Amino acid sequence: MYDIVGKRNWYFAFSALITIPGLIFILIGGLKPSVDFTGGTVWQVRFADRPSAAEVRTALVALDHPEAEIRTLEDGFLEIRTEPIGLLPPQTPLPSVSFAPSASAEASPTGSPTPTPAASARTTPSPTPSPTPAASESASSPAASPSPGGVPTPQNTEFDDLKTALEEQFGQAETPSVTTVGPLIGAELIRSSVILIAVGELFILGYLWIRFGFRFGTAAIVALLHDVIVVVGIFAMLGFFFGVEFDALFVTALLTIIGFSVHDTIVVFDRIRENRIRHAGEPFGAIVNHSILQTIGRSINTSLTVVVTLAALLLLGPVTIRTFTLALLIGVISGTYSSIFNASQLLVAWYEWDAQRKARAGLAKPVRPLSR
């Protein structure tokens, strides 16, 4: 029988190898939050003259946007990020929906909704008007200026003025997407994300303590933290070296990873609990080893089906969910590893340490003389 438990120090060393660098990059500020969290305006544009990013940045500085950040994309497109720029005319009332005071406007060339904060107002092209918040916003705005191959943008807005000024220098602009998020919405999203993850961890911890006991629950939570650190750490490294940003969907991915990881861990823990009855009298490490060997095939096969699907989605799916898909892919792999090689091994280490402590306490305990 293969001894998985006996090599647990190697598994702990490997976990340290992949988590410590991630923690370092998190601490040095490698994480790059998207406009969903920071607030601002992000728009993709391609000018007829195909200027460089440096030329466009120089023009934006001259137009009172020294904070502008520009990134070169494929097919000659540029991604421009600035402070929030108004997409609505000054006298345009907000759509009659329960939005937060600081609304955001988003334009999407496909007209399909994309996951954005709840307080976002959207401007989407539609061949026929419909009684929706987006349509009411467009109807209450002045005539929109068409953009070849892109979305129409309302005239007499701060964004339209900026776009017109750039077009005078670099030719006709094609704008496939524009997103504006206010700073209040970004701050609220950060606070909500932290609360969601913390509450999720606490509920899982409480359930596992009730179902399996304190040690099992604590070991599972440590494994969950391992998975979260791995995912966030890898994104911190990607952000530091390649400028990869994480958006609101990243939080959804983390919550999904937590659920998937604890599901796999519960399967192993259930088998350990059953085998403690079937193999009563055997060392706890041997019982855990039996349980892992009995469930490892199921865990790997289940995870492989998810990994193959996510890999196909990452390679062939739309760019808008690529961050979400990558986070899920990393989390599923890490969750499968931590359930087998971290949570169960922590239990064995804890039980053995406790047995040694009790043995030392028994040897050190003074023997009282028999009473006469």
Protein backbone atom coordinates (compact mmCIF):
# COMPACT_ATOMS: atom_id res chain seq x y z
CA MET A 1 0.00 0.00 0.00
CA TYR A 2 1.39 3.38 -1.02
CA ASP A 3 2.22 5.55 1.97
CA ILE A 4 0.84 9.01 1.17
CA VAL A 5 0.70 10.18 4.77
CA GLY A 6 4.34 9.36 5.42
CA LYS A 7 5.44 11.97 2.87
CA ARG A 8 3.37 14.80 4.30
CA ASN A 9 6.41 17.00 4.97
CA TRP A 10 7.04 17.10 1.22
CA TYR A 11 3.47 18.24 0.63
CA PHE A 12 3.78 20.94 3.26
CA ALA A 13 7.04 22.13 1.67
CA PHE A 14 5.42 22.30 -1.77
CA SER A 15 2.50 24.31 -0.36
CA ALA A 16 4.95 26.74 1.22
CA LEU A 17 6.77 27.00 -2.10
CA ILE A 18 3.65 28.15 -3.93
CA THR A 19 2.10 30.31 -1.21
CA ILE A 20 5.06 32.28 0.16
CA PRO A 21 5.98 33.96 -3.16
CA GLY A 22 2.32 34.84 -3.66
CA LEU A 23 2.13 36.42 -0.20
CA ILE A 24 5.25 38.44 -0.96
CA PHE A 25 3.76 39.82 -4.19
CA ILE A 26 0.49 40.57 -2.41
CA LEU A 27 2.36 42.58 0.23
CA ILE A 28 4.39 44.54 -2.33
CA GLY A 29 1.22 45.56 -4.17
CA GLY A 30 1.18 43.18 -7.09
CA LEU A 31 -2.61 42.96 -7.18
CA LYS A 32 -4.11 45.20 -9.86
CA PRO A 33 -7.79 45.93 -9.19
CA SER A 34 -9.92 46.79 -12.18
CA VAL A 35 -12.15 49.80 -12.55
CA ASP A 36 -14.88 47.87 -10.71
CA PHE A 37 -12.93 48.44 -7.48
CA THR A 38 -10.97 51.63 -8.08
CA GLY A 39 -13.57 53.68 -9.91
CA GLY A 40 -12.85 55.54 -13.13
CA THR A 41 -13.45 55.23 -16.86
CA VAL A 42 -12.00 52.47 -19.02
CA TRP A 43 -12.56 52.49 -22.75
CA GLN A 44 -11.14 50.62 -25.68
CA VAL A 45 -10.49 52.62 -28.82
CA ARG A 46 -8.81 52.30 -32.20
CA PHE A 47 -8.00 55.47 -34.12
CA ALA A 48 -7.75 55.67 -37.87
CA ASP A 49 -4.16 56.95 -37.74
CA ARG A 50 -3.11 54.15 -35.36
CA PRO A 51 -1.12 56.34 -32.93
CA SER A 52 1.13 54.80 -30.30
CA ALA A 53 0.21 54.63 -26.65
CA ALA A 54 2.77 57.32 -25.85
CA GLU A 55 1.27 59.72 -28.41
CA VAL A 56 -2.24 59.24 -27.05
CA ARG A 57 -1.03 59.72 -23.49
CA THR A 58 0.68 62.98 -24.47
CA ALA A 59 -2.57 64.18 -26.00
CA LEU A 60 -4.55 63.21 -22.91
CA VAL A 61 -2.13 65.05 -20.62
CA ALA A 62 -2.66 68.15 -22.77
CA LEU A 63 -6.42 67.62 -22.37
CA ASP A 64 -6.13 67.77 -18.53
CA HIS A 65 -5.94 64.01 -17.92
CA PRO A 66 -2.41 63.48 -16.55
CA GLU A 67 -3.63 60.40 -14.62
CA ALA A 68 -4.41 58.53 -17.85
CA GLU A 69 -3.00 55.02 -18.18
CA ILE A 70 -2.84 53.44 -21.63
CA ARG A 71 -2.29 49.81 -22.56
CA THR A 72 -1.81 48.41 -26.06
CA LEU A 73 -4.22 45.66 -27.06
CA GLU A 74 -4.54 43.45 -30.13
CA ASP A 75 -5.52 44.68 -33.62
CA GLY A 76 -4.37 48.23 -32.96
CA PHE A 77 -6.76 48.88 -30.07
CA LEU A 78 -5.74 50.87 -27.03
CA GLU A 79 -7.20 50.62 -23.53
CA ILE A 80 -7.43 54.00 -21.84
CA ARG A 81 -8.08 54.40 -18.12
CA THR A 82 -8.77 57.78 -16.55
CA GLU A 83 -10.65 59.29 -13.65
CA PRO A 84 -14.47 58.99 -13.98
CA ILE A 85 -15.67 60.73 -17.14
CA GLY A 86 -19.35 61.55 -17.49
CA LEU A 87 -21.28 59.55 -20.05
CA LEU A 88 -24.51 61.46 -19.45
CA PRO A 89 -25.27 65.07 -20.38
CA PRO A 90 -25.26 67.44 -17.39
CA GLN A 91 -29.08 67.88 -17.34
CA THR A 92 -29.95 64.21 -17.95
CA PRO A 93 -31.81 62.66 -14.99
CA LEU A 94 -30.68 59.30 -13.74
CA PRO A 95 -32.74 56.27 -14.77
CA SER A 96 -35.70 55.60 -12.49
CA VAL A 97 -34.25 52.53 -10.81
CA SER A 98 -32.86 51.87 -7.34
CA PHE A 99 -29.31 52.93 -8.14
CA ALA A 100 -26.72 54.24 -5.71
CA PRO A 101 -25.99 57.99 -5.77
CA SER A 102 -22.80 57.46 -7.76
CA ALA A 103 -23.96 55.75 -10.92
CA SER A 104 -21.77 54.26 -13.59
CA ALA A 105 -22.36 53.98 -17.28
CA GLU A 106 -21.20 51.18 -19.47
CA ALA A 107 -21.40 50.76 -23.20
CA SER A 108 -21.14 47.29 -24.70
CA PRO A 109 -20.97 46.63 -28.43
CA THR A 110 -22.85 43.39 -28.16
CA GLY A 111 -25.69 44.77 -26.12
CA SER A 112 -25.45 41.86 -23.72
CA PRO A 113 -25.19 42.59 -20.02
CA THR A 114 -21.86 42.05 -18.38
CA PRO A 115 -21.39 41.44 -14.65
CA THR A 116 -20.82 44.87 -13.14
CA PRO A 117 -21.56 46.43 -9.76
CA ALA A 118 -25.23 46.78 -8.98
CA ALA A 119 -25.06 50.54 -9.20
CA SER A 120 -24.03 50.75 -12.81
CA ALA A 121 -26.10 52.48 -15.48
CA ARG A 122 -25.59 51.05 -18.94
CA THR A 123 -25.83 52.46 -22.44
CA THR A 124 -26.23 49.66 -24.96
CA PRO A 125 -27.10 49.89 -28.63
CA SER A 126 -30.47 48.42 -29.50
CA PRO A 127 -32.23 48.36 -32.88
CA THR A 128 -35.60 49.06 -31.26
CA PRO A 129 -36.29 50.98 -28.06
CA SER A 130 -37.59 49.03 -25.10
CA PRO A 131 -38.83 50.17 -21.68
CA THR A 132 -35.66 49.35 -19.79
CA PRO A 133 -33.37 51.55 -17.67
CA ALA A 134 -30.76 51.53 -20.44
CA ALA A 135 -33.33 52.51 -23.04
CA SER A 136 -34.78 55.25 -20.89
CA GLU A 137 -31.31 56.68 -20.43
CA SER A 138 -30.68 56.73 -24.16
CA ALA A 139 -34.08 58.24 -24.86
CA SER A 140 -33.53 61.06 -22.40
CA SER A 141 -30.16 61.90 -23.92
CA PRO A 142 -29.49 64.04 -26.98
CA ALA A 143 -28.77 62.36 -30.28
CA ALA A 144 -25.93 59.90 -30.05
CA SER A 145 -22.83 60.29 -32.17
CA PRO A 146 -22.19 57.05 -34.07
CA SER A 147 -18.81 55.38 -33.92
CA PRO A 148 -17.95 53.06 -36.82
CA GLY A 149 -17.77 49.51 -35.53
CA GLY A 150 -18.41 50.67 -31.98
CA VAL A 151 -21.14 51.91 -29.67
CA PRO A 152 -22.97 55.22 -30.10
CA THR A 153 -22.07 57.77 -27.45
CA PRO A 154 -24.40 60.61 -26.36
CA GLN A 155 -23.42 64.08 -27.56
CA ASN A 156 -22.72 67.03 -25.31
CA THR A 157 -21.11 64.86 -22.66
CA GLU A 158 -17.69 65.04 -21.09
CA PHE A 159 -16.74 61.77 -22.76
CA ASP A 160 -17.94 62.94 -26.18
CA ASP A 161 -15.90 66.13 -25.85
CA LEU A 162 -12.77 64.17 -24.98
CA LYS A 163 -13.31 61.69 -27.79
CA THR A 164 -13.87 64.50 -30.33
CA ALA A 165 -10.67 66.22 -29.24
CA LEU A 166 -8.68 63.00 -29.74
CA GLU A 167 -10.32 62.35 -33.11
CA GLU A 168 -9.14 65.76 -34.32
CA GLN A 169 -5.56 64.60 -33.72
CA PHE A 170 -5.67 60.89 -34.58
CA GLY A 171 -8.62 60.43 -36.94
CA GLN A 172 -11.94 58.61 -36.58
CA ALA A 173 -12.22 56.54 -33.40
CA GLU A 174 -13.77 53.10 -33.06
CA THR A 175 -14.92 52.44 -29.48
CA PRO A 176 -16.14 48.88 -28.85
CA SER A 177 -16.62 49.39 -25.09
CA VAL A 178 -16.76 52.16 -22.51
CA THR A 179 -17.19 51.66 -18.75
CA THR A 180 -17.46 54.24 -15.99
CA VAL A 181 -17.66 53.40 -12.29
CA GLY A 182 -17.87 55.98 -9.53
CA PRO A 183 -15.45 55.85 -6.57
CA LEU A 184 -18.25 55.23 -4.05
CA ILE A 185 -19.33 52.12 -5.93
CA GLY A 186 -15.76 50.78 -6.00
CA ALA A 187 -15.34 51.27 -2.24
CA GLU A 188 -18.68 49.57 -1.57
CA LEU A 189 -17.71 46.62 -3.76
CA ILE A 190 -14.43 46.13 -1.89
CA ARG A 191 -16.23 46.17 1.46
CA SER A 192 -18.92 43.77 0.26
CA SER A 193 -16.35 41.38 -1.21
CA VAL A 194 -14.39 41.14 2.03
CA ILE A 195 -17.57 40.57 4.04
CA LEU A 196 -18.79 37.88 1.64
CA ILE A 197 -15.57 35.90 1.80
CA ALA A 198 -15.27 36.23 5.59
CA VAL A 199 -18.89 35.21 6.21
CA GLY A 200 -18.52 32.26 3.84
CA GLU A 201 -15.45 31.02 5.68
CA LEU A 202 -17.16 31.39 9.08
CA PHE A 203 -20.28 29.48 8.03
CA ILE A 204 -18.16 26.67 6.57
CA LEU A 205 -16.06 26.56 9.75
CA GLY A 206 -19.17 26.34 11.91
CA TYR A 207 -20.67 23.56 9.80
CA LEU A 208 -17.49 21.51 9.86
CA TRP A 209 -17.06 21.95 13.62
CA ILE A 210 -20.60 20.65 14.16
CA ARG A 211 -20.29 17.83 11.63
CA PHE A 212 -16.76 16.56 12.29
CA GLY A 213 -15.37 18.30 15.35
CA PHE A 214 -12.94 21.10 16.08
CA ARG A 215 -9.81 19.54 14.59
CA PHE A 216 -11.43 18.52 11.33
CA GLY A 217 -13.04 21.93 10.90
CA THR A 218 -9.84 23.81 11.60
CA ALA A 219 -7.84 21.65 9.18
CA ALA A 220 -10.43 22.27 6.45
CA ILE A 221 -10.33 26.04 6.99
CA VAL A 222 -6.52 26.04 6.77
CA ALA A 223 -6.84 24.20 3.45
CA LEU A 224 -9.38 26.79 2.25
CA LEU A 225 -7.05 29.64 3.20
CA HIS A 226 -4.30 27.85 1.28
CA ASP A 227 -6.47 27.82 -1.86
CA VAL A 228 -7.43 31.48 -1.53
CA ILE A 229 -3.79 32.51 -1.00
CA VAL A 230 -2.68 30.46 -4.02
CA VAL A 231 -5.25 32.09 -6.33
CA VAL A 232 -4.78 35.63 -5.03
CA GLY A 233 -0.99 35.20 -4.96
CA ILE A 234 -0.82 34.01 -8.56
CA PHE A 235 -2.95 36.98 -9.65
CA ALA A 236 -0.63 39.26 -7.69
CA MET A 237 2.33 37.87 -9.64
CA LEU A 238 0.47 38.15 -12.94
CA GLY A 239 -0.49 41.72 -12.07
CA PHE A 240 3.08 42.62 -11.10
CA PHE A 241 4.72 41.21 -14.23
CA PHE A 242 1.98 41.41 -16.89
CA GLY A 243 -0.49 43.98 -15.58
CA VAL A 244 -3.34 41.45 -15.25
CA GLU A 245 -6.28 42.98 -13.39
CA PHE A 246 -8.99 41.33 -11.31
CA ASP A 247 -12.60 42.44 -11.53
CA ALA A 248 -15.87 41.84 -9.70
CA LEU A 249 -16.14 38.34 -11.14
CA PHE A 250 -12.90 37.47 -9.33
CA VAL A 251 -14.76 37.59 -6.01
CA THR A 252 -17.38 35.23 -7.42
CA ALA A 253 -14.60 32.89 -8.46
CA LEU A 254 -13.11 32.91 -4.96
CA LEU A 255 -16.45 32.02 -3.38
CA THR A 256 -16.91 29.21 -5.90
CA ILE A 257 -13.41 27.91 -5.16
CA ILE A 258 -14.14 27.88 -1.42
CA GLY A 259 -17.28 25.82 -1.98
CA PHE A 260 -15.59 23.38 -4.36
CA SER A 261 -12.58 22.88 -2.11
CA VAL A 262 -14.59 22.20 1.04
CA HIS A 263 -16.81 19.77 -0.89
CA ASP A 264 -13.76 17.69 -1.82
CA THR A 265 -12.43 17.89 1.73
CA ILE A 266 -15.72 16.67 3.20
CA VAL A 267 -15.59 13.57 0.99
CA VAL A 268 -12.18 12.64 2.43
CA PHE A 269 -13.22 13.48 6.00
CA ASP A 270 -16.36 11.36 5.72
CA ARG A 271 -14.28 8.38 4.65
CA ILE A 272 -11.86 8.95 7.53
CA ARG A 273 -14.75 8.95 9.99
CA GLU A 274 -16.10 5.69 8.55
CA ASN A 275 -12.70 4.01 8.57
CA ARG A 276 -12.08 4.95 12.20
CA ILE A 277 -14.88 2.49 13.00
CA ARG A 278 -13.90 -0.17 10.45
CA HIS A 279 -10.19 -0.05 11.31
CA ALA A 280 -10.51 0.56 15.04
CA GLY A 281 -7.21 0.04 16.80
CA GLU A 282 -5.01 1.05 13.87
CA PRO A 283 -2.88 4.22 14.09
CA PHE A 284 -4.68 7.34 12.97
CA GLY A 285 -2.13 7.93 10.19
CA ALA A 286 -2.86 4.50 8.71
CA ILE A 287 -6.61 5.18 8.80
CA VAL A 288 -6.13 8.48 6.97
CA ASN A 289 -3.90 6.76 4.41
CA HIS A 290 -6.62 4.14 3.75
CA SER A 291 -9.20 6.88 3.33
CA ILE A 292 -7.11 8.93 0.89
CA LEU A 293 -6.36 5.91 -1.30
CA GLN A 294 -10.07 5.04 -1.39
CA THR A 295 -11.16 8.55 -2.45
CA ILE A 296 -8.23 9.89 -4.49
CA GLY A 297 -9.50 8.41 -7.74
CA ARG A 298 -12.91 9.99 -7.33
CA SER A 299 -11.43 13.37 -6.39
CA ILE A 300 -9.04 13.50 -9.34
CA ASN A 301 -11.61 12.31 -11.88
CA THR A 302 -14.18 14.85 -10.67
CA SER A 303 -11.66 17.67 -10.79
CA LEU A 304 -10.39 16.65 -14.25
CA THR A 305 -13.85 17.04 -15.76
CA VAL A 306 -14.04 20.57 -14.36
CA VAL A 307 -10.46 21.40 -15.39
CA VAL A 308 -11.02 20.30 -19.00
CA THR A 309 -14.17 22.43 -19.23
CA LEU A 310 -12.49 25.48 -17.71
CA ALA A 311 -9.42 25.07 -19.92
CA ALA A 312 -11.61 25.03 -23.03
CA LEU A 313 -13.48 28.09 -21.77
CA LEU A 314 -10.19 29.88 -21.06
CA LEU A 315 -8.82 29.21 -24.54
CA LEU A 316 -12.00 29.59 -26.58
CA GLY A 317 -14.32 31.66 -24.41
CA PRO A 318 -14.89 35.43 -24.49
CA VAL A 319 -12.27 37.76 -23.13
CA THR A 320 -14.73 39.30 -20.67
CA ILE A 321 -14.75 36.17 -18.47
CA ARG A 322 -11.12 35.19 -18.91
CA THR A 323 -10.11 36.44 -15.45
CA PHE A 324 -13.00 34.56 -13.88
CA THR A 325 -12.16 31.35 -15.75
CA LEU A 326 -8.44 31.53 -14.93
CA ALA A 327 -9.17 32.05 -11.23
CA LEU A 328 -11.54 29.08 -11.21
CA LEU A 329 -9.03 26.87 -13.02
CA ILE A 330 -6.26 27.66 -10.54
CA GLY A 331 -8.63 27.26 -7.59
CA VAL A 332 -9.98 23.87 -8.68
CA ILE A 333 -6.48 22.46 -9.08
CA SER A 334 -5.35 23.94 -5.76
CA GLY A 335 -8.53 22.77 -4.01
CA THR A 336 -8.07 19.18 -5.14
CA TYR A 337 -4.45 19.23 -4.00
CA SER A 338 -5.20 20.81 -0.62
CA SER A 339 -8.07 18.41 0.17
CA ILE A 340 -5.85 15.36 -0.30
CA PHE A 341 -2.39 16.57 0.61
CA ASN A 342 -3.00 19.38 3.09
CA ALA A 343 -6.23 19.04 5.11
CA SER A 344 -5.85 15.30 5.78
CA GLN A 345 -2.12 15.59 6.47
CA LEU A 346 -2.72 18.41 8.93
CA LEU A 347 -5.08 16.15 10.83
CA VAL A 348 -2.42 13.42 11.07
CA ALA A 349 0.24 15.89 12.19
CA TRP A 350 -2.13 17.34 14.79
CA TYR A 351 -3.13 13.93 16.19
CA GLU A 352 0.48 12.73 16.35
CA TRP A 353 1.63 15.93 18.02
CA ASP A 354 -1.19 15.62 20.57
CA ALA A 355 -0.31 11.96 21.26
CA GLN A 356 3.34 12.87 21.82
CA ARG A 357 2.36 15.73 24.11
CA LYS A 358 0.16 13.46 26.20
CA ALA A 359 2.90 10.84 26.33
CA ARG A 360 5.43 13.39 27.58
CA ALA A 361 2.94 14.67 30.12
CA GLY A 362 2.35 11.12 31.34
CA LEU A 363 6.07 10.46 31.76
CA ALA A 364 6.61 13.74 33.56
CA LYS A 365 3.67 13.23 35.91
CA PRO A 366 4.94 12.33 39.39
CA VAL A 367 3.84 8.98 40.74
CA ARG A 368 2.01 9.32 44.01
CA PRO A 369 2.73 6.66 46.60
CA LEU A 370 0.02 4.18 47.41
CA SER A 371 -1.92 5.08 50.51
CA ARG A 372 -1.34 2.75 53.43
